[in-house]
Amino acid sequence: MATFEEILQKIGVSPETLEQAKKQQQEQGGTLREQLIALGEFTEQSFGARVAQFLRVPYLSVQNRQIPHDVLKFLPQEKAEKYLALPIEFDKKNRRLTVAMADPTDMSAIDNLK
């Protein structure tokens, strides 16, 4: 699996911009994603969509999505916060929970959520 920095370069972040974002991150804190957005390289949505496209996973904006209350019970709040995951829908027939994640490359989180 590619490192996060390799993914950033593959989705079009130049080495110079990446270095600038890393410098800002050291000075101001936050994440590389936040610094790239602050630099105007991406919007929140365009960043998520580009990374999802690269990883070949669906992109889903949860900003205005209505999540049924009964679906939220499938993932305790502590785990949701720990893994930056949000239950989206539950397929009763197949007993499958769809979860949106901030980092779909975090295989440890995926394994723990299973």
PDB file of N, CA and C in Angstrom:
ATOM      1  N   MET A   1       0.840  -1.174   0.000  1.00  0.00           N
ATOM      2  CA  MET A   1       0.000   0.000   0.000  1.00  0.00           C
ATOM      3  C   MET A   1       0.890   1.244   0.000  1.00  0.00           C
ATOM      4  N   ALA A   2       0.490   2.211  -0.779  1.00  0.00           N
ATOM      5  CA  ALA A   2       1.233   3.462  -0.876  1.00  0.00           C
ATOM      6  C   ALA A   2       1.112   4.255   0.421  1.00  0.00           C
ATOM      7  N   THR A   3       2.151   5.027   0.720  1.00  0.00           N
ATOM      8  CA  THR A   3       2.071   5.918   1.879  1.00  0.00           C
ATOM      9  C   THR A   3       1.143   7.074   1.540  1.00  0.00           C
ATOM     10  N   PHE A   4       0.713   7.793   2.564  1.00  0.00           N
ATOM     11  CA  PHE A   4      -0.174   8.931   2.341  1.00  0.00           C
ATOM     12  C   PHE A   4       0.490   9.979   1.455  1.00  0.00           C
ATOM     13  N   GLU A   5       1.758  10.221   1.668  1.00  0.00           N
ATOM     14  CA  GLU A   5       2.472  11.209   0.841  1.00  0.00           C
ATOM     15  C   GLU A   5       2.549  10.751  -0.616  1.00  0.00           C
ATOM     16  N   GLU A   6       2.738   9.457  -0.834  1.00  0.00           N
ATOM     17  CA  GLU A   6       2.754   8.933  -2.208  1.00  0.00           C
ATOM     18  C   GLU A   6       1.386   9.102  -2.854  1.00  0.00           C
ATOM     19  N   ILE A   7       0.338   8.849  -2.087  1.00  0.00           N
ATOM     20  CA  ILE A   7      -1.025   9.038  -2.608  1.00  0.00           C
ATOM     21  C   ILE A   7      -1.233  10.498  -2.989  1.00  0.00           C
ATOM     22  N   LEU A   8      -0.782  11.414  -2.122  1.00  0.00           N
ATOM     23  CA  LEU A   8      -0.938  12.840  -2.419  1.00  0.00           C
ATOM     24  C   LEU A   8      -0.247  13.202  -3.722  1.00  0.00           C
ATOM     25  N   GLN A   9       0.950  12.686  -3.934  1.00  0.00           N
ATOM     26  CA  GLN A   9       1.663  12.984  -5.176  1.00  0.00           C
ATOM     27  C   GLN A   9       0.952  12.365  -6.379  1.00  0.00           C
ATOM     28  N   LYS A  10       0.387  11.181  -6.202  1.00  0.00           N
ATOM     29  CA  LYS A  10      -0.298  10.523  -7.319  1.00  0.00           C
ATOM     30  C   LYS A  10      -1.614  11.209  -7.680  1.00  0.00           C
ATOM     31  N   ILE A  11      -2.202  11.948  -6.728  1.00  0.00           N
ATOM     32  CA  ILE A  11      -3.435  12.667  -7.062  1.00  0.00           C
ATOM     33  C   ILE A  11      -3.153  14.105  -7.492  1.00  0.00           C
ATOM     34  N   GLY A  12      -1.877  14.425  -7.681  1.00  0.00           N
ATOM     35  CA  GLY A  12      -1.532  15.702  -8.293  1.00  0.00           C
ATOM     36  C   GLY A  12      -0.887  16.745  -7.414  1.00  0.00           C
ATOM     37  N   VAL A  13      -0.542  16.418  -6.173  1.00  0.00           N
ATOM     38  CA  VAL A  13       0.134  17.386  -5.314  1.00  0.00           C
ATOM     39  C   VAL A  13       1.610  17.404  -5.690  1.00  0.00           C
ATOM     40  N   SER A  14       2.106  18.575  -6.030  1.00  0.00           N
ATOM     41  CA  SER A  14       3.515  18.685  -6.422  1.00  0.00           C
ATOM     42  C   SER A  14       4.403  18.505  -5.198  1.00  0.00           C
ATOM     43  N   PRO A  15       5.645  18.067  -5.407  1.00  0.00           N
ATOM     44  CA  PRO A  15       6.579  17.944  -4.283  1.00  0.00           C
ATOM     45  C   PRO A  15       6.768  19.266  -3.537  1.00  0.00           C
ATOM     46  N   GLU A  16       6.749  20.375  -4.264  1.00  0.00           N
ATOM     47  CA  GLU A  16       6.917  21.686  -3.639  1.00  0.00           C
ATOM     48  C   GLU A  16       5.732  22.019  -2.732  1.00  0.00           C
ATOM     49  N   THR A  17       4.527  21.762  -3.220  1.00  0.00           N
ATOM     50  CA  THR A  17       3.329  22.033  -2.425  1.00  0.00           C
ATOM     51  C   THR A  17       3.282  21.123  -1.208  1.00  0.00           C
ATOM     52  N   LEU A  18       3.680  19.882  -1.397  1.00  0.00           N
ATOM     53  CA  LEU A  18       3.705  18.939  -0.282  1.00  0.00           C
ATOM     54  C   LEU A  18       4.682  19.419   0.803  1.00  0.00           C
ATOM     55  N   GLU A  19       5.842  19.890   0.396  1.00  0.00           N
ATOM     56  CA  GLU A  19       6.819  20.406   1.359  1.00  0.00           C
ATOM     57  C   GLU A  19       6.279  21.632   2.091  1.00  0.00           C
ATOM     58  N   GLN A  20       5.601  22.498   1.349  1.00  0.00           N
ATOM     59  CA  GLN A  20       5.018  23.691   1.969  1.00  0.00           C
ATOM     60  C   GLN A  20       3.946  23.295   2.992  1.00  0.00           C
ATOM     61  N   ALA A  21       3.123  22.324   2.644  1.00  0.00           N
ATOM     62  CA  ALA A  21       2.079  21.854   3.558  1.00  0.00           C
ATOM     63  C   ALA A  21       2.700  21.215   4.802  1.00  0.00           C
ATOM     64  N   LYS A  22       3.771  20.449   4.609  1.00  0.00           N
ATOM     65  CA  LYS A  22       4.448  19.814   5.748  1.00  0.00           C
ATOM     66  C   LYS A  22       5.065  20.868   6.676  1.00  0.00           C
ATOM     67  N   LYS A  23       5.628  21.918   6.087  1.00  0.00           N
ATOM     68  CA  LYS A  23       6.216  22.996   6.887  1.00  0.00           C
ATOM     69  C   LYS A  23       5.126  23.689   7.699  1.00  0.00           C
ATOM     70  N   GLN A  24       3.998  23.985   7.051  1.00  0.00           N
ATOM     71  CA  GLN A  24       2.882  24.621   7.755  1.00  0.00           C
ATOM     72  C   GLN A  24       2.344  23.703   8.854  1.00  0.00           C
ATOM     73  N   GLN A  25       2.318  22.417   8.582  1.00  0.00           N
ATOM     74  CA  GLN A  25       1.842  21.458   9.573  1.00  0.00           C
ATOM     75  C   GLN A  25       2.735  21.490  10.817  1.00  0.00           C
ATOM     76  N   GLN A  26       4.036  21.545  10.607  1.00  0.00           N
ATOM     77  CA  GLN A  26       4.969  21.617  11.737  1.00  0.00           C
ATOM     78  C   GLN A  26       4.774  22.898  12.540  1.00  0.00           C
ATOM     79  N   GLU A  27       4.518  23.995  11.850  1.00  0.00           N
ATOM     80  CA  GLU A  27       4.374  25.291  12.512  1.00  0.00           C
ATOM     81  C   GLU A  27       3.015  25.464  13.183  1.00  0.00           C
ATOM     82  N   GLN A  28       1.962  24.966  12.510  1.00  0.00           N
ATOM     83  CA  GLN A  28       0.606  25.252  12.959  1.00  0.00           C
ATOM     84  C   GLN A  28      -0.139  24.043  13.517  1.00  0.00           C
ATOM     85  N   GLY A  29       0.408  22.848  13.288  1.00  0.00           N
ATOM     86  CA  GLY A  29      -0.305  21.637  13.682  1.00  0.00           C
ATOM     87  C   GLY A  29      -1.314  21.240  12.619  1.00  0.00           C
ATOM     88  N   GLY A  30      -2.221  20.364  12.991  1.00  0.00           N
ATOM     89  CA  GLY A  30      -3.219  19.901  12.036  1.00  0.00           C
ATOM     90  C   GLY A  30      -2.692  18.764  11.182  1.00  0.00           C
ATOM     91  N   THR A  31      -3.432  18.446  10.152  1.00  0.00           N
ATOM     92  CA  THR A  31      -3.078  17.352   9.252  1.00  0.00           C
ATOM     93  C   THR A  31      -2.587  17.905   7.914  1.00  0.00           C
ATOM     94  N   LEU A  32      -1.948  17.049   7.147  1.00  0.00           N
ATOM     95  CA  LEU A  32      -1.543  17.460   5.795  1.00  0.00           C
ATOM     96  C   LEU A  32      -2.760  17.829   4.957  1.00  0.00           C
ATOM     97  N   ARG A  33      -3.824  17.068   5.106  1.00  0.00           N
ATOM     98  CA  ARG A  33      -5.063  17.360   4.373  1.00  0.00           C
ATOM     99  C   ARG A  33      -5.526  18.777   4.695  1.00  0.00           C
ATOM    100  N   GLU A  34      -5.551  19.115   5.985  1.00  0.00           N
ATOM    101  CA  GLU A  34      -5.988  20.451   6.385  1.00  0.00           C
ATOM    102  C   GLU A  34      -5.084  21.531   5.813  1.00  0.00           C
ATOM    103  N   GLN A  35      -3.798  21.274   5.797  1.00  0.00           N
ATOM    104  CA  GLN A  35      -2.861  22.262   5.273  1.00  0.00           C
ATOM    105  C   GLN A  35      -2.993  22.410   3.762  1.00  0.00           C
ATOM    106  N   LEU A  36      -3.227  21.311   3.063  1.00  0.00           N
ATOM    107  CA  LEU A  36      -3.420  21.395   1.611  1.00  0.00           C
ATOM    108  C   LEU A  36      -4.691  22.153   1.272  1.00  0.00           C
ATOM    109  N   ILE A  37      -5.719  21.980   2.084  1.00  0.00           N
ATOM    110  CA  ILE A  37      -6.964  22.731   1.879  1.00  0.00           C
ATOM    111  C   ILE A  37      -6.720  24.208   2.172  1.00  0.00           C
ATOM    112  N   ALA A  38      -5.988  24.497   3.250  1.00  0.00           N
ATOM    113  CA  ALA A  38      -5.671  25.885   3.599  1.00  0.00           C
ATOM    114  C   ALA A  38      -4.854  26.564   2.496  1.00  0.00           C
ATOM    115  N   LEU A  39      -4.010  25.794   1.825  1.00  0.00           N
ATOM    116  CA  LEU A  39      -3.202  26.343   0.725  1.00  0.00           C
ATOM    117  C   LEU A  39      -4.012  26.529  -0.561  1.00  0.00           C
ATOM    118  N   GLY A  40      -5.251  26.047  -0.554  1.00  0.00           N
ATOM    119  CA  GLY A  40      -6.093  26.180  -1.740  1.00  0.00           C
ATOM    120  C   GLY A  40      -5.880  25.088  -2.771  1.00  0.00           C
ATOM    121  N   GLU A  41      -5.129  24.068  -2.397  1.00  0.00           N
ATOM    122  CA  GLU A  41      -4.859  22.958  -3.318  1.00  0.00           C
ATOM    123  C   GLU A  41      -6.133  22.140  -3.577  1.00  0.00           C
ATOM    124  N   PHE A  42      -6.982  22.021  -2.566  1.00  0.00           N
ATOM    125  CA  PHE A  42      -8.222  21.254  -2.645  1.00  0.00           C
ATOM    126  C   PHE A  42      -9.296  21.933  -1.811  1.00  0.00           C
ATOM    127  N   THR A  43     -10.537  21.537  -2.052  1.00  0.00           N
ATOM    128  CA  THR A  43     -11.617  21.791  -1.107  1.00  0.00           C
ATOM    129  C   THR A  43     -11.787  20.488  -0.326  1.00  0.00           C
ATOM    130  N   GLU A  44     -12.572  20.517   0.735  1.00  0.00           N
ATOM    131  CA  GLU A  44     -12.821  19.287   1.500  1.00  0.00           C
ATOM    132  C   GLU A  44     -13.371  18.205   0.566  1.00  0.00           C
ATOM    133  N   GLN A  45     -14.356  18.589  -0.253  1.00  0.00           N
ATOM    134  CA  GLN A  45     -14.980  17.616  -1.138  1.00  0.00           C
ATOM    135  C   GLN A  45     -14.035  17.126  -2.220  1.00  0.00           C
ATOM    136  N   SER A  46     -13.306  18.032  -2.850  1.00  0.00           N
ATOM    137  CA  SER A  46     -12.441  17.599  -3.950  1.00  0.00           C
ATOM    138  C   SER A  46     -11.321  16.706  -3.435  1.00  0.00           C
ATOM    139  N   PHE A  47     -10.834  16.973  -2.223  1.00  0.00           N
ATOM    140  CA  PHE A  47      -9.798  16.120  -1.656  1.00  0.00           C
ATOM    141  C   PHE A  47     -10.334  14.706  -1.457  1.00  0.00           C
ATOM    142  N   GLY A  48     -11.474  14.606  -0.786  1.00  0.00           N
ATOM    143  CA  GLY A  48     -12.073  13.288  -0.544  1.00  0.00           C
ATOM    144  C   GLY A  48     -12.368  12.542  -1.829  1.00  0.00           C
ATOM    145  N   ALA A  49     -12.902  13.252  -2.801  1.00  0.00           N
ATOM    146  CA  ALA A  49     -13.247  12.615  -4.078  1.00  0.00           C
ATOM    147  C   ALA A  49     -12.000  12.118  -4.814  1.00  0.00           C
ATOM    148  N   ARG A  50     -10.926  12.914  -4.817  1.00  0.00           N
ATOM    149  CA  ARG A  50      -9.698  12.503  -5.517  1.00  0.00           C
ATOM    150  C   ARG A  50      -9.036  11.297  -4.858  1.00  0.00           C
ATOM    151  N   VAL A  51      -8.973  11.311  -3.508  1.00  0.00           N
ATOM    152  CA  VAL A  51      -8.379  10.179  -2.799  1.00  0.00           C
ATOM    153  C   VAL A  51      -9.227   8.933  -3.006  1.00  0.00           C
ATOM    154  N   ALA A  52     -10.538   9.076  -2.926  1.00  0.00           N
ATOM    155  CA  ALA A  52     -11.431   7.926  -3.138  1.00  0.00           C
ATOM    156  C   ALA A  52     -11.268   7.363  -4.543  1.00  0.00           C
ATOM    157  N   GLN A  53     -11.160   8.234  -5.528  1.00  0.00           N
ATOM    158  CA  GLN A  53     -10.969   7.784  -6.909  1.00  0.00           C
ATOM    159  C   GLN A  53      -9.654   7.012  -7.033  1.00  0.00           C
ATOM    160  N   PHE A  54      -8.588   7.537  -6.437  1.00  0.00           N
ATOM    161  CA  PHE A  54      -7.298   6.855  -6.489  1.00  0.00           C
ATOM    162  C   PHE A  54      -7.369   5.486  -5.827  1.00  0.00           C
ATOM    163  N   LEU A  55      -8.038   5.415  -4.672  1.00  0.00           N
ATOM    164  CA  LEU A  55      -8.134   4.159  -3.917  1.00  0.00           C
ATOM    165  C   LEU A  55      -9.196   3.207  -4.459  1.00  0.00           C
ATOM    166  N   ARG A  56      -9.968   3.709  -5.416  1.00  0.00           N
ATOM    167  CA  ARG A  56     -11.054   2.921  -6.013  1.00  0.00           C
ATOM    168  C   ARG A  56     -12.085   2.495  -4.959  1.00  0.00           C
ATOM    169  N   VAL A  57     -12.446   3.461  -4.118  1.00  0.00           N
ATOM    170  CA  VAL A  57     -13.516   3.265  -3.146  1.00  0.00           C
ATOM    171  C   VAL A  57     -14.554   4.351  -3.409  1.00  0.00           C
ATOM    172  N   PRO A  58     -15.799   4.092  -3.074  1.00  0.00           N
ATOM    173  CA  PRO A  58     -16.821   5.120  -3.300  1.00  0.00           C
ATOM    174  C   PRO A  58     -16.586   6.346  -2.426  1.00  0.00           C
ATOM    175  N   TYR A  59     -16.879   7.504  -2.970  1.00  0.00           N
ATOM    176  CA  TYR A  59     -16.811   8.741  -2.193  1.00  0.00           C
ATOM    177  C   TYR A  59     -18.225   9.115  -1.790  1.00  0.00           C
ATOM    178  N   LEU A  60     -18.381   9.466  -0.544  1.00  0.00           N
ATOM    179  CA  LEU A  60     -19.691   9.832  -0.034  1.00  0.00           C
ATOM    180  C   LEU A  60     -19.549  11.042   0.867  1.00  0.00           C
ATOM    181  N   SER A  61     -20.240  12.105   0.527  1.00  0.00           N
ATOM    182  CA  SER A  61     -20.271  13.268   1.403  1.00  0.00           C
ATOM    183  C   SER A  61     -21.398  13.046   2.403  1.00  0.00           C
ATOM    184  N   VAL A  62     -21.072  13.114   3.678  1.00  0.00           N
ATOM    185  CA  VAL A  62     -22.088  12.897   4.711  1.00  0.00           C
ATOM    186  C   VAL A  62     -22.593  14.221   5.273  1.00  0.00           C
ATOM    187  N   GLN A  63     -22.163  15.303   4.682  1.00  0.00           N
ATOM    188  CA  GLN A  63     -22.480  16.630   5.202  1.00  0.00           C
ATOM    189  C   GLN A  63     -23.980  16.867   5.353  1.00  0.00           C
ATOM    190  N   ASN A  64     -24.784  16.566   4.370  1.00  0.00           N
ATOM    191  CA  ASN A  64     -26.223  16.823   4.428  1.00  0.00           C
ATOM    192  C   ASN A  64     -27.039  15.531   4.410  1.00  0.00           C
ATOM    193  N   ARG A  65     -26.418  14.443   4.730  1.00  0.00           N
ATOM    194  CA  ARG A  65     -27.081  13.143   4.673  1.00  0.00           C
ATOM    195  C   ARG A  65     -27.861  12.887   5.962  1.00  0.00           C
ATOM    196  N   GLN A  66     -29.073  12.411   5.808  1.00  0.00           N
ATOM    197  CA  GLN A  66     -29.899  12.032   6.943  1.00  0.00           C
ATOM    198  C   GLN A  66     -29.628  10.556   7.250  1.00  0.00           C
ATOM    199  N   ILE A  67     -29.155  10.294   8.451  1.00  0.00           N
ATOM    200  CA  ILE A  67     -28.846   8.920   8.853  1.00  0.00           C
ATOM    201  C   ILE A  67     -29.914   8.466   9.830  1.00  0.00           C
ATOM    202  N   PRO A  68     -30.587   7.349   9.520  1.00  0.00           N
ATOM    203  CA  PRO A  68     -31.619   6.866  10.435  1.00  0.00           C
ATOM    204  C   PRO A  68     -31.040   6.601  11.825  1.00  0.00           C
ATOM    205  N   HIS A  69     -31.775   7.018  12.840  1.00  0.00           N
ATOM    206  CA  HIS A  69     -31.307   6.886  14.232  1.00  0.00           C
ATOM    207  C   HIS A  69     -30.989   5.432  14.576  1.00  0.00           C
ATOM    208  N   ASP A  70     -31.791   4.492  14.072  1.00  0.00           N
ATOM    209  CA  ASP A  70     -31.559   3.083  14.415  1.00  0.00           C
ATOM    210  C   ASP A  70     -30.268   2.548  13.819  1.00  0.00           C
ATOM    211  N   VAL A  71     -29.732   3.198  12.796  1.00  0.00           N
ATOM    212  CA  VAL A  71     -28.464   2.765  12.195  1.00  0.00           C
ATOM    213  C   VAL A  71     -27.286   3.171  13.096  1.00  0.00           C
ATOM    214  N   LEU A  72     -27.413   4.293  13.747  1.00  0.00           N
ATOM    215  CA  LEU A  72     -26.325   4.786  14.599  1.00  0.00           C
ATOM    216  C   LEU A  72     -26.006   3.830  15.745  1.00  0.00           C
ATOM    217  N   LYS A  73     -26.980   3.049  16.167  1.00  0.00           N
ATOM    218  CA  LYS A  73     -26.764   2.137  17.301  1.00  0.00           C
ATOM    219  C   LYS A  73     -25.807   0.992  16.963  1.00  0.00           C
ATOM    220  N   PHE A  74     -25.560   0.765  15.695  1.00  0.00           N
ATOM    221  CA  PHE A  74     -24.696  -0.344  15.290  1.00  0.00           C
ATOM    222  C   PHE A  74     -23.210  -0.085  15.529  1.00  0.00           C
ATOM    223  N   LEU A  75     -22.862   1.172  15.770  1.00  0.00           N
ATOM    224  CA  LEU A  75     -21.462   1.507  16.015  1.00  0.00           C
ATOM    225  C   LEU A  75     -21.392   2.423  17.235  1.00  0.00           C
ATOM    226  N   PRO A  76     -20.865   1.913  18.348  1.00  0.00           N
ATOM    227  CA  PRO A  76     -20.777   2.744  19.549  1.00  0.00           C
ATOM    228  C   PRO A  76     -19.985   4.027  19.275  1.00  0.00           C
ATOM    229  N   GLN A  77     -20.378   5.102  19.935  1.00  0.00           N
ATOM    230  CA  GLN A  77     -19.758   6.406  19.726  1.00  0.00           C
ATOM    231  C   GLN A  77     -18.250   6.362  19.942  1.00  0.00           C
ATOM    232  N   GLU A  78     -17.797   5.613  20.957  1.00  0.00           N
ATOM    233  CA  GLU A  78     -16.362   5.551  21.239  1.00  0.00           C
ATOM    234  C   GLU A  78     -15.595   4.983  20.050  1.00  0.00           C
ATOM    235  N   LYS A  79     -16.146   3.919  19.440  1.00  0.00           N
ATOM    236  CA  LYS A  79     -15.470   3.326  18.273  1.00  0.00           C
ATOM    237  C   LYS A  79     -15.559   4.258  17.066  1.00  0.00           C
ATOM    238  N   ALA A  80     -16.691   4.898  16.903  1.00  0.00           N
ATOM    239  CA  ALA A  80     -16.863   5.825  15.781  1.00  0.00           C
ATOM    240  C   ALA A  80     -15.820   6.942  15.870  1.00  0.00           C
ATOM    241  N   GLU A  81     -15.621   7.466  17.059  1.00  0.00           N
ATOM    242  CA  GLU A  81     -14.636   8.534  17.245  1.00  0.00           C
ATOM    243  C   GLU A  81     -13.214   8.018  17.085  1.00  0.00           C
ATOM    244  N   LYS A  82     -12.943   6.847  17.632  1.00  0.00           N
ATOM    245  CA  LYS A  82     -11.595   6.279  17.559  1.00  0.00           C
ATOM    246  C   LYS A  82     -11.168   6.019  16.115  1.00  0.00           C
ATOM    247  N   TYR A  83     -12.089   5.487  15.313  1.00  0.00           N
ATOM    248  CA  TYR A  83     -11.752   5.106  13.935  1.00  0.00           C
ATOM    249  C   TYR A  83     -12.229   6.122  12.895  1.00  0.00           C
ATOM    250  N   LEU A  84     -12.759   7.255  13.359  1.00  0.00           N
ATOM    251  CA  LEU A  84     -13.294   8.278  12.452  1.00  0.00           C
ATOM    252  C   LEU A  84     -14.221   7.638  11.428  1.00  0.00           C
ATOM    253  N   ALA A  85     -15.201   6.911  11.960  1.00  0.00           N
ATOM    254  CA  ALA A  85     -16.135   6.159  11.129  1.00  0.00           C
ATOM    255  C   ALA A  85     -17.568   6.548  11.492  1.00  0.00           C
ATOM    256  N   LEU A  86     -18.454   6.475  10.504  1.00  0.00           N
ATOM    257  CA  LEU A  86     -19.847   6.833  10.716  1.00  0.00           C
ATOM    258  C   LEU A  86     -20.727   5.796  10.029  1.00  0.00           C
ATOM    259  N   PRO A  87     -21.605   5.123  10.787  1.00  0.00           N
ATOM    260  CA  PRO A  87     -22.521   4.181  10.143  1.00  0.00           C
ATOM    261  C   PRO A  87     -23.518   4.955   9.282  1.00  0.00           C
ATOM    262  N   ILE A  88     -23.716   4.488   8.065  1.00  0.00           N
ATOM    263  CA  ILE A  88     -24.557   5.201   7.108  1.00  0.00           C
ATOM    264  C   ILE A  88     -25.898   4.501   6.895  1.00  0.00           C
ATOM    265  N   GLU A  89     -25.825   3.197   6.669  1.00  0.00           N
ATOM    266  CA  GLU A  89     -27.066   2.440   6.457  1.00  0.00           C
ATOM    267  C   GLU A  89     -26.851   0.980   6.814  1.00  0.00           C
ATOM    268  N   PHE A  90     -27.951   0.307   7.108  1.00  0.00           N
ATOM    269  CA  PHE A  90     -27.890  -1.108   7.440  1.00  0.00           C
ATOM    270  C   PHE A  90     -28.831  -1.865   6.525  1.00  0.00           C
ATOM    271  N   ASP A  91     -28.282  -2.856   5.825  1.00  0.00           N
ATOM    272  CA  ASP A  91     -29.056  -3.722   4.940  1.00  0.00           C
ATOM    273  C   ASP A  91     -29.521  -4.918   5.775  1.00  0.00           C
ATOM    274  N   LYS A  92     -30.782  -4.901   6.158  1.00  0.00           N
ATOM    275  CA  LYS A  92     -31.305  -5.955   7.038  1.00  0.00           C
ATOM    276  C   LYS A  92     -31.264  -7.327   6.369  1.00  0.00           C
ATOM    277  N   LYS A  93     -31.568  -7.367   5.085  1.00  0.00           N
ATOM    278  CA  LYS A  93     -31.609  -8.652   4.373  1.00  0.00           C
ATOM    279  C   LYS A  93     -30.243  -9.345   4.407  1.00  0.00           C
ATOM    280  N   ASN A  94     -29.189  -8.605   4.096  1.00  0.00           N
ATOM    281  CA  ASN A  94     -27.841  -9.182   4.044  1.00  0.00           C
ATOM    282  C   ASN A  94     -27.055  -8.957   5.332  1.00  0.00           C
ATOM    283  N   ARG A  95     -27.671  -8.290   6.299  1.00  0.00           N
ATOM    284  CA  ARG A  95     -27.032  -7.988   7.583  1.00  0.00           C
ATOM    285  C   ARG A  95     -25.670  -7.320   7.373  1.00  0.00           C
ATOM    286  N   ARG A  96     -25.690  -6.258   6.559  1.00  0.00           N
ATOM    287  CA  ARG A  96     -24.458  -5.543   6.210  1.00  0.00           C
ATOM    288  C   ARG A  96     -24.592  -4.068   6.573  1.00  0.00           C
ATOM    289  N   LEU A  97     -23.611  -3.591   7.350  1.00  0.00           N
ATOM    290  CA  LEU A  97     -23.563  -2.195   7.748  1.00  0.00           C
ATOM    291  C   LEU A  97     -22.615  -1.447   6.821  1.00  0.00           C
ATOM    292  N   THR A  98     -23.080  -0.361   6.249  1.00  0.00           N
ATOM    293  CA  THR A  98     -22.236   0.505   5.432  1.00  0.00           C
ATOM    294  C   THR A  98     -21.702   1.607   6.324  1.00  0.00           C
ATOM    295  N   VAL A  99     -20.381   1.765   6.301  1.00  0.00           N
ATOM    296  CA  VAL A  99     -19.708   2.734   7.163  1.00  0.00           C
ATOM    297  C   VAL A  99     -18.872   3.674   6.308  1.00  0.00           C
ATOM    298  N   ALA A 100     -19.002   4.970   6.564  1.00  0.00           N
ATOM    299  CA  ALA A 100     -18.134   5.966   5.924  1.00  0.00           C
ATOM    300  C   ALA A 100     -16.940   6.174   6.859  1.00  0.00           C
ATOM    301  N   MET A 101     -15.747   6.272   6.265  1.00  0.00           N
ATOM    302  CA  MET A 101     -14.534   6.436   7.068  1.00  0.00           C
ATOM    303  C   MET A 101     -13.710   7.601   6.548  1.00  0.00           C
ATOM    304  N   ALA A 102     -13.091   8.305   7.470  1.00  0.00           N
ATOM    305  CA  ALA A 102     -12.198   9.396   7.080  1.00  0.00           C
ATOM    306  C   ALA A 102     -10.965   8.850   6.367  1.00  0.00           C
ATOM    307  N   ASP A 103     -10.509   7.657   6.771  1.00  0.00           N
ATOM    308  CA  ASP A 103      -9.312   7.062   6.176  1.00  0.00           C
ATOM    309  C   ASP A 103      -9.603   5.629   5.748  1.00  0.00           C
ATOM    310  N   PRO A 104     -10.069   5.450   4.509  1.00  0.00           N
ATOM    311  CA  PRO A 104     -10.386   4.090   4.048  1.00  0.00           C
ATOM    312  C   PRO A 104      -9.153   3.224   3.801  1.00  0.00           C
ATOM    313  N   THR A 105      -7.969   3.758   4.036  1.00  0.00           N
ATOM    314  CA  THR A 105      -6.752   2.951   3.887  1.00  0.00           C
ATOM    315  C   THR A 105      -6.327   2.342   5.219  1.00  0.00           C
ATOM    316  N   ASP A 106      -6.998   2.691   6.291  1.00  0.00           N
ATOM    317  CA  ASP A 106      -6.632   2.212   7.625  1.00  0.00           C
ATOM    318  C   ASP A 106      -7.170   0.791   7.821  1.00  0.00           C
ATOM    319  N   MET A 107      -6.365  -0.181   7.395  1.00  0.00           N
ATOM    320  CA  MET A 107      -6.806  -1.580   7.444  1.00  0.00           C
ATOM    321  C   MET A 107      -7.006  -2.060   8.878  1.00  0.00           C
ATOM    322  N   SER A 108      -6.244  -1.534   9.804  1.00  0.00           N
ATOM    323  CA  SER A 108      -6.417  -1.897  11.205  1.00  0.00           C
ATOM    324  C   SER A 108      -7.799  -1.465  11.689  1.00  0.00           C
ATOM    325  N   ALA A 109      -8.205  -0.247  11.341  1.00  0.00           N
ATOM    326  CA  ALA A 109      -9.527   0.234  11.729  1.00  0.00           C
ATOM    327  C   ALA A 109     -10.617  -0.614  11.075  1.00  0.00           C
ATOM    328  N   ILE A 110     -10.451  -0.944   9.809  1.00  0.00           N
ATOM    329  CA  ILE A 110     -11.441  -1.766   9.108  1.00  0.00           C
ATOM    330  C   ILE A 110     -11.563  -3.125   9.779  1.00  0.00           C
ATOM    331  N   ASP A 111     -10.443  -3.745  10.089  1.00  0.00           N
ATOM    332  CA  ASP A 111     -10.472  -5.045  10.769  1.00  0.00           C
ATOM    333  C   ASP A 111     -11.158  -4.949  12.135  1.00  0.00           C
ATOM    334  N   ASN A 112     -10.869  -3.895  12.878  1.00  0.00           N
ATOM    335  CA  ASN A 112     -11.477  -3.723  14.191  1.00  0.00           C
ATOM    336  C   ASN A 112     -12.972  -3.425  14.099  1.00  0.00           C
ATOM    337  N   LEU A 113     -13.378  -2.741  13.063  1.00  0.00           N
ATOM    338  CA  LEU A 113     -14.807  -2.463  12.898  1.00  0.00           C
ATOM    339  C   LEU A 113     -15.593  -3.694  12.490  1.00  0.00           C
ATOM    340  N   LYS A 114     -14.941  -4.614  11.798  1.00  0.00           N
ATOM    341  CA  LYS A 114     -15.631  -5.848  11.398  1.00  0.00           C
ATOM    342  C   LYS A 114     -16.052  -6.615  12.623  1.00  0.00           C
TER     343      LYS A 114
END
